[in-house]
Amino acid sequence: MLVIGIKDKQLQREEQGWIRAPQVSGVILFKRNFASRAQVCELIAQIRAVRSGPLLICVDQEGGPVQRFHDGFTRLPALARIGELHERDPRLAMELAGEHAWLMASEMRAIDIDLSFAPVLDLAVRNVIVGERAFHADPRIVSELGLAYVRNMRLAGMAATIKHFPGHGSVREDTHLEPAIDRRTLDEIRDTDMVPFADAIVAGAEAVMMGHVTYPAVDALPAGYSPTWIRDILRGELGFRGVVISDDISMAAAESAGGIGARIAAHREAGCDIVLVCKPEIVPEALAAVRDMPAHDARPVAMLLGKVAGSCRDLADNPQYARFGARLTALEKVTA
């Protein structure tokens, strides 16, 4: 039910109790949890040792401006660099989208991360937070590159999480800091922002992360806790049968639901399978709010657990890994 954040680079005693709570499905790691590859591997082992059953360990390792782990890992270019390349060389851009996905997911699986929340399928239209995290402003190009990304994440043993449904790129507001409103009609959104999501769902994307944007022409509630968006459109109209994940409930755009307990309840009642509680300071309140709820449903977790993967040494010995890394590192120069 909950995927929670922890405070630092070592697991604290209090956090061990959090992870043992039956309502907790996983842990999400951030830059604050990382010093080196050796250190984060030790932290992951500490987390795994606390919980006897399956537990998701997650991260946002998108590349570009959102890459939590650096030293010891490939510096991944922003997805926008691939979109820019697509304008001149679509075939090469498709190849590099796949290589980016495989390399990112392989590096994460080698250290026992189950899930990197990727790829971003928002359109690069006007949102400053999405910005170069998105491939392109053209939904057709985003769809082509996104499908290549999803396919190659799977080849590395990782499920794909497409985000932020139904599309975050067309609003100006930063949902971390303020509510975001998109006044377009459903038909307008279907014909633009939703296109890459619909295509990736047909291709079998395992998870969808919701956005905190409100679309008043469709529903008065933000998409992340809107039954209209989740149950009627995502699951009903688009036929999605995978795992629905909220964005972080500590973001300002989620506050309209009320306090922490009310936010969790609103997301769950709308149809979210997993709720992200990224700020450690609100985890105790979140756990208190779900104390009397049933233990988390193991089925969504099982769908997202990482598949068998090689070690870091296996990767280093793989010529494909070195080749992909060199091509991606050179991508900034290619698009300059």
Protein backbone atom coordinates (compact mmCIF):
# COMPACT_ATOMS: atom_id res chain seq x y z
CA MET A 1 0.00 0.00 0.00
CA LEU A 2 2.70 2.56 1.02
CA VAL A 3 6.14 3.09 -0.47
CA ILE A 4 8.07 5.21 2.02
CA GLY A 5 11.18 7.37 2.09
CA ILE A 6 13.94 7.05 4.69
CA LYS A 7 16.16 9.74 6.17
CA ASP A 8 19.80 9.09 5.47
CA LYS A 9 22.53 6.77 4.23
CA GLN A 10 22.13 4.20 7.01
CA LEU A 11 18.90 2.58 8.12
CA GLN A 12 17.79 3.85 11.52
CA ARG A 13 16.12 1.79 14.22
CA GLU A 14 12.83 3.67 13.90
CA GLU A 15 12.84 3.04 10.15
CA GLN A 16 13.23 -0.70 10.69
CA GLY A 17 9.88 -0.59 12.46
CA TRP A 18 8.37 1.35 9.58
CA ILE A 19 9.51 -1.24 7.04
CA ARG A 20 8.12 -4.10 9.12
CA ALA A 21 4.64 -2.56 9.10
CA PRO A 22 2.34 -4.82 7.06
CA GLN A 23 0.91 -1.82 5.23
CA VAL A 24 4.32 -0.94 3.75
CA SER A 25 5.00 -2.27 0.26
CA GLY A 26 8.42 -0.74 -0.34
CA VAL A 27 11.07 1.94 0.11
CA ILE A 28 12.06 4.72 -2.29
CA LEU A 29 15.65 6.01 -2.24
CA PHE A 30 16.82 9.55 -3.01
CA LYS A 31 20.09 11.44 -3.36
CA ARG A 32 20.08 11.92 0.42
CA ASN A 33 20.43 8.14 0.74
CA PHE A 34 23.45 7.88 -1.58
CA ALA A 35 27.19 8.41 -1.07
CA SER A 36 28.73 5.68 -3.23
CA ARG A 37 27.81 2.45 -4.93
CA ALA A 38 29.27 0.39 -2.07
CA GLN A 39 27.36 2.41 0.50
CA VAL A 40 24.00 2.19 -1.28
CA CYS A 41 24.45 -1.56 -1.79
CA GLU A 42 24.94 -1.90 1.96
CA LEU A 43 21.86 0.22 2.64
CA ILE A 44 19.78 -1.93 0.28
CA ALA A 45 21.02 -5.07 2.05
CA GLN A 46 20.04 -3.54 5.41
CA ILE A 47 16.55 -2.81 4.12
CA ARG A 48 16.15 -6.32 2.68
CA ALA A 49 17.28 -7.89 5.97
CA VAL A 50 14.49 -6.17 7.91
CA ARG A 51 11.63 -7.63 5.90
CA SER A 52 11.14 -11.37 5.41
CA GLY A 53 8.62 -11.08 2.55
CA PRO A 54 8.78 -9.35 -0.83
CA LEU A 55 9.54 -5.63 -0.65
CA LEU A 56 9.94 -3.14 -3.49
CA ILE A 57 13.03 -0.95 -3.48
CA CYS A 58 12.56 1.98 -5.82
CA VAL A 59 14.32 5.08 -7.13
CA ASP A 60 13.96 7.81 -9.76
CA GLN A 61 16.98 7.18 -12.00
CA GLU A 62 15.66 8.90 -15.10
CA GLY A 63 18.87 10.59 -16.20
CA GLY A 64 19.50 14.27 -16.83
CA PRO A 65 18.16 16.44 -13.99
CA VAL A 66 16.60 13.48 -12.12
CA GLN A 67 19.32 10.94 -11.39
CA ARG A 68 19.70 10.00 -7.72
CA PHE A 69 22.86 7.88 -7.99
CA HIS A 70 25.94 9.26 -9.75
CA ASP A 71 29.39 8.04 -8.61
CA GLY A 72 29.87 4.49 -9.85
CA PHE A 73 27.01 4.76 -12.35
CA THR A 74 26.69 6.02 -15.91
CA ARG A 75 25.83 9.70 -16.15
CA LEU A 76 22.67 9.35 -18.20
CA PRO A 77 21.60 12.14 -20.57
CA ALA A 78 18.19 13.74 -20.24
CA LEU A 79 15.49 12.14 -22.38
CA ALA A 80 15.10 15.46 -24.21
CA ARG A 81 18.50 14.87 -25.85
CA ILE A 82 17.07 11.75 -27.48
CA GLY A 83 14.00 13.65 -28.64
CA GLU A 84 16.18 16.34 -30.19
CA LEU A 85 18.17 13.68 -32.04
CA HIS A 86 14.92 12.17 -33.34
CA GLU A 87 14.29 15.31 -35.37
CA ARG A 88 17.43 14.59 -37.45
CA ASP A 89 17.91 10.84 -37.16
CA PRO A 90 14.83 8.91 -35.96
CA ARG A 91 16.49 5.50 -36.31
CA LEU A 92 19.47 6.44 -34.14
CA ALA A 93 17.18 8.08 -31.59
CA MET A 94 15.15 4.88 -31.29
CA GLU A 95 18.34 2.88 -30.76
CA LEU A 96 19.58 5.25 -28.07
CA ALA A 97 16.23 5.28 -26.28
CA GLY A 98 16.48 1.51 -25.98
CA GLU A 99 20.11 1.63 -24.90
CA HIS A 100 19.35 4.30 -22.28
CA ALA A 101 16.57 2.12 -20.86
CA TRP A 102 18.60 -1.09 -20.84
CA LEU A 103 21.66 0.52 -19.30
CA MET A 104 19.71 2.41 -16.60
CA ALA A 105 17.67 -0.64 -15.64
CA SER A 106 20.67 -2.99 -15.76
CA GLU A 107 22.68 -0.78 -13.41
CA MET A 108 19.77 -0.59 -10.97
CA ARG A 109 19.02 -4.31 -11.09
CA ALA A 110 22.72 -5.07 -10.50
CA ILE A 111 22.46 -3.40 -7.07
CA ASP A 112 19.08 -5.00 -6.26
CA ILE A 113 16.83 -2.03 -7.04
CA ASP A 114 13.52 -3.43 -8.29
CA LEU A 115 12.06 -0.37 -9.91
CA SER A 116 13.15 2.96 -11.32
CA PHE A 117 10.04 5.03 -11.95
CA ALA A 118 10.52 5.50 -15.69
CA PRO A 119 9.94 6.48 -18.42
CA VAL A 120 8.45 9.98 -18.34
CA LEU A 121 5.82 10.10 -21.09
CA ASP A 122 4.69 13.67 -20.45
CA LEU A 123 4.92 16.07 -23.37
CA ALA A 124 7.66 18.72 -23.24
CA VAL A 125 5.25 21.59 -23.81
CA ARG A 126 5.52 24.18 -21.02
CA ASN A 127 6.04 22.62 -17.58
CA VAL A 128 9.35 23.66 -16.03
CA ILE A 129 9.55 20.59 -13.78
CA VAL A 130 8.95 18.17 -16.64
CA GLY A 131 11.21 20.14 -18.99
CA GLU A 132 14.03 18.03 -20.38
CA ARG A 133 12.85 14.99 -18.45
CA ALA A 134 10.43 14.47 -21.37
CA PHE A 135 11.39 13.22 -24.81
CA HIS A 136 9.55 15.77 -26.96
CA ALA A 137 6.47 17.95 -27.41
CA ASP A 138 5.10 15.77 -30.24
CA PRO A 139 2.99 12.91 -28.85
CA ARG A 140 3.87 10.68 -31.80
CA ILE A 141 7.60 11.03 -31.13
CA VAL A 142 7.11 10.54 -27.37
CA SER A 143 5.14 7.39 -28.10
CA GLU A 144 7.77 5.90 -30.43
CA LEU A 145 10.65 6.60 -28.05
CA GLY A 146 8.62 5.59 -25.01
CA LEU A 147 7.77 2.20 -26.49
CA ALA A 148 11.45 1.56 -27.22
CA TYR A 149 12.24 2.50 -23.63
CA VAL A 150 9.59 0.19 -22.14
CA ARG A 151 10.74 -2.77 -24.24
CA ASN A 152 14.35 -2.42 -23.24
CA MET A 153 13.67 -1.93 -19.53
CA ARG A 154 12.05 -5.36 -19.64
CA LEU A 155 15.11 -6.86 -21.32
CA ALA A 156 17.09 -5.74 -18.26
CA GLY A 157 14.62 -7.33 -15.84
CA MET A 158 12.70 -4.22 -14.75
CA ALA A 159 9.02 -3.34 -15.05
CA ALA A 160 8.12 -0.01 -16.66
CA THR A 161 6.31 2.80 -14.83
CA ILE A 162 4.87 5.33 -17.27
CA LYS A 163 4.30 8.77 -15.76
CA HIS A 164 2.56 11.14 -15.02
CA PHE A 165 -0.89 10.13 -16.29
CA PRO A 166 -2.80 11.64 -18.03
CA GLY A 167 -0.01 14.12 -18.86
CA HIS A 168 1.82 16.71 -16.79
CA GLY A 169 3.69 18.64 -19.47
CA SER A 170 0.97 21.09 -20.50
CA VAL A 171 0.64 23.00 -17.21
CA ARG A 172 3.01 25.70 -16.00
CA GLU A 173 2.78 25.08 -12.26
CA ASP A 174 5.25 23.07 -10.19
CA THR A 175 3.04 20.56 -8.35
CA HIS A 176 5.68 20.22 -5.63
CA LEU A 177 4.87 23.80 -4.63
CA GLU A 178 1.36 24.65 -5.83
CA PRO A 179 -1.83 23.22 -7.35
CA ALA A 180 -1.81 22.77 -11.13
CA ILE A 181 -4.87 23.30 -13.34
CA ASP A 182 -5.31 22.15 -16.95
CA ARG A 183 -8.58 23.46 -18.41
CA ARG A 184 -8.63 21.47 -21.64
CA THR A 185 -11.43 19.07 -22.50
CA LEU A 186 -11.06 15.32 -22.34
CA ASP A 187 -11.08 15.12 -26.14
CA GLU A 188 -8.20 17.60 -26.33
CA ILE A 189 -6.19 15.60 -23.80
CA ARG A 190 -6.98 12.30 -25.53
CA ASP A 191 -5.63 13.61 -28.82
CA THR A 192 -2.36 14.89 -27.32
CA ASP A 193 -1.01 14.04 -23.86
CA MET A 194 -2.76 10.69 -23.51
CA VAL A 195 -1.48 9.25 -26.80
CA PRO A 196 1.90 7.95 -25.47
CA PHE A 197 0.20 6.50 -22.39
CA ALA A 198 -2.45 4.70 -24.43
CA ASP A 199 0.20 3.20 -26.71
CA ALA A 200 2.40 2.07 -23.81
CA ILE A 201 -0.58 0.46 -22.09
CA VAL A 202 -1.35 -1.53 -25.23
CA ALA A 203 2.33 -2.57 -25.23
CA GLY A 204 1.95 -3.93 -21.69
CA ALA A 205 3.46 -1.29 -19.38
CA GLU A 206 3.25 -2.75 -15.90
CA ALA A 207 2.63 0.43 -13.87
CA VAL A 208 1.22 3.92 -14.27
CA MET A 209 2.12 6.81 -11.98
CA MET A 210 -0.62 9.39 -11.66
CA GLY A 211 -0.10 13.15 -11.85
CA HIS A 212 -1.36 15.64 -9.28
CA VAL A 213 -2.81 17.91 -11.99
CA THR A 214 -6.52 18.88 -11.88
CA TYR A 215 -8.51 18.84 -15.13
CA PRO A 216 -11.79 20.60 -14.17
CA ALA A 217 -13.43 19.93 -17.54
CA VAL A 218 -13.14 16.22 -16.68
CA ASP A 219 -13.28 16.10 -12.86
CA ALA A 220 -12.93 18.57 -10.00
CA LEU A 221 -10.44 16.28 -8.24
CA PRO A 222 -6.72 16.01 -9.12
CA ALA A 223 -6.08 12.98 -11.32
CA GLY A 224 -4.19 11.09 -8.61
CA TYR A 225 -7.28 10.72 -6.47
CA SER A 226 -9.95 10.96 -9.11
CA PRO A 227 -12.10 7.84 -9.65
CA THR A 228 -13.06 9.33 -12.99
CA TRP A 229 -9.45 9.35 -14.20
CA ILE A 230 -8.35 6.08 -12.59
CA ARG A 231 -11.38 3.81 -12.69
CA ASP A 232 -13.33 5.20 -15.65
CA ILE A 233 -10.62 6.40 -18.04
CA LEU A 234 -7.36 4.61 -17.17
CA ARG A 235 -8.86 1.23 -16.29
CA GLY A 236 -12.18 1.44 -18.13
CA GLU A 237 -11.48 3.29 -21.38
CA LEU A 238 -7.79 2.37 -21.80
CA GLY A 239 -8.09 -1.12 -20.31
CA PHE A 240 -5.08 -0.81 -17.99
CA ARG A 241 -4.72 -3.89 -15.77
CA GLY A 242 -1.40 -3.13 -14.10
CA VAL A 243 -0.41 -1.25 -10.94
CA VAL A 244 -1.56 2.32 -10.31
CA ILE A 245 0.89 4.39 -8.25
CA SER A 246 0.30 7.84 -6.77
CA ASP A 247 2.80 10.64 -7.05
CA ASP A 248 4.28 11.80 -3.73
CA ILE A 249 1.47 12.78 -1.37
CA SER A 250 3.68 15.35 0.36
CA MET A 251 3.57 17.57 -2.74
CA ALA A 252 1.56 20.78 -2.45
CA ALA A 253 -0.79 19.80 -5.27
CA ALA A 254 -2.00 16.82 -3.17
CA GLU A 255 -2.97 18.96 -0.18
CA SER A 256 -6.52 19.63 -1.38
CA ALA A 257 -7.48 16.16 -0.13
CA GLY A 258 -6.73 17.22 3.45
CA GLY A 259 -4.23 15.85 5.97
CA ILE A 260 -1.90 12.92 5.40
CA GLY A 261 -4.49 10.31 6.36
CA ALA A 262 -7.11 11.92 4.14
CA ARG A 263 -4.68 12.01 1.20
CA ILE A 264 -3.91 8.31 1.55
CA ALA A 265 -7.60 7.45 1.83
CA ALA A 266 -8.50 9.58 -1.20
CA HIS A 267 -5.84 7.94 -3.38
CA ARG A 268 -6.78 4.45 -2.24
CA GLU A 269 -10.51 5.01 -2.71
CA ALA A 270 -9.92 6.37 -6.20
CA GLY A 271 -8.05 3.22 -7.21
CA CYS A 272 -4.34 3.70 -6.47
CA ASP A 273 -2.68 0.42 -5.51
CA ILE A 274 0.47 2.05 -4.10
CA VAL A 275 0.78 5.46 -2.42
CA LEU A 276 4.15 7.25 -2.32
CA VAL A 277 5.13 8.82 1.02
CA CYS A 278 8.53 10.23 0.10
CA LYS A 279 9.27 12.57 3.01
CA PRO A 280 10.44 10.64 6.08
CA GLU A 281 9.00 13.26 8.42
CA ILE A 282 5.43 12.35 7.42
CA VAL A 283 5.88 8.56 7.46
CA PRO A 284 4.86 8.14 11.14
CA GLU A 285 1.62 10.04 10.48
CA ALA A 286 1.00 7.99 7.34
CA LEU A 287 1.55 4.71 9.20
CA ALA A 288 -0.77 5.82 12.00
CA ALA A 289 -3.44 6.58 9.40
CA VAL A 290 -3.28 3.08 7.87
CA ARG A 291 -2.71 1.12 11.09
CA ASP A 292 -6.19 -0.42 11.03
CA MET A 293 -6.19 -1.11 7.30
CA PRO A 294 -5.46 -4.62 5.96
CA ALA A 295 -1.90 -5.58 5.08
CA HIS A 296 -0.79 -4.52 1.61
CA ASP A 297 -1.99 -6.58 -1.33
CA ALA A 298 0.94 -8.73 -2.46
CA ARG A 299 -0.21 -8.89 -6.08
CA PRO A 300 0.87 -5.39 -7.18
CA VAL A 301 4.24 -5.90 -5.50
CA ALA A 302 4.71 -9.23 -7.26
CA MET A 303 4.04 -7.57 -10.63
CA LEU A 304 6.81 -5.03 -10.05
CA LEU A 305 9.58 -7.03 -8.39
CA GLY A 306 12.79 -7.08 -10.39
CA LYS A 307 13.65 -10.14 -12.42
CA VAL A 308 16.92 -12.08 -12.28
CA ALA A 309 19.86 -9.78 -13.03
CA GLY A 310 23.62 -9.90 -13.27
CA SER A 311 26.00 -8.35 -10.77
CA CYS A 312 27.97 -5.13 -11.23
CA ARG A 313 30.95 -7.29 -12.23
CA ASP A 314 28.82 -9.06 -14.84
CA LEU A 315 27.88 -5.69 -16.29
CA ALA A 316 31.46 -4.50 -16.38
CA ASP A 317 32.42 -7.62 -18.35
CA ASN A 318 29.61 -7.09 -20.88
CA PRO A 319 30.85 -5.37 -24.08
CA GLN A 320 27.32 -4.13 -24.75
CA TYR A 321 27.36 -2.21 -21.47
CA ALA A 322 30.54 -0.34 -22.37
CA ARG A 323 29.33 0.35 -25.91
CA PHE A 324 25.95 1.69 -24.81
CA GLY A 325 27.59 3.80 -22.12
CA ALA A 326 29.97 5.40 -24.61
CA ARG A 327 27.16 6.20 -27.06
CA LEU A 328 24.99 7.74 -24.36
CA THR A 329 27.83 9.75 -22.89
CA ALA A 330 28.49 11.16 -26.35
CA LEU A 331 24.84 12.07 -26.88
CA GLU A 332 25.23 15.63 -25.59
CA LYS A 333 27.81 16.24 -28.33
CA VAL A 334 25.65 14.53 -30.96
CA THR A 335 22.71 16.88 -30.25
CA ALA A 336 24.80 20.04 -29.82
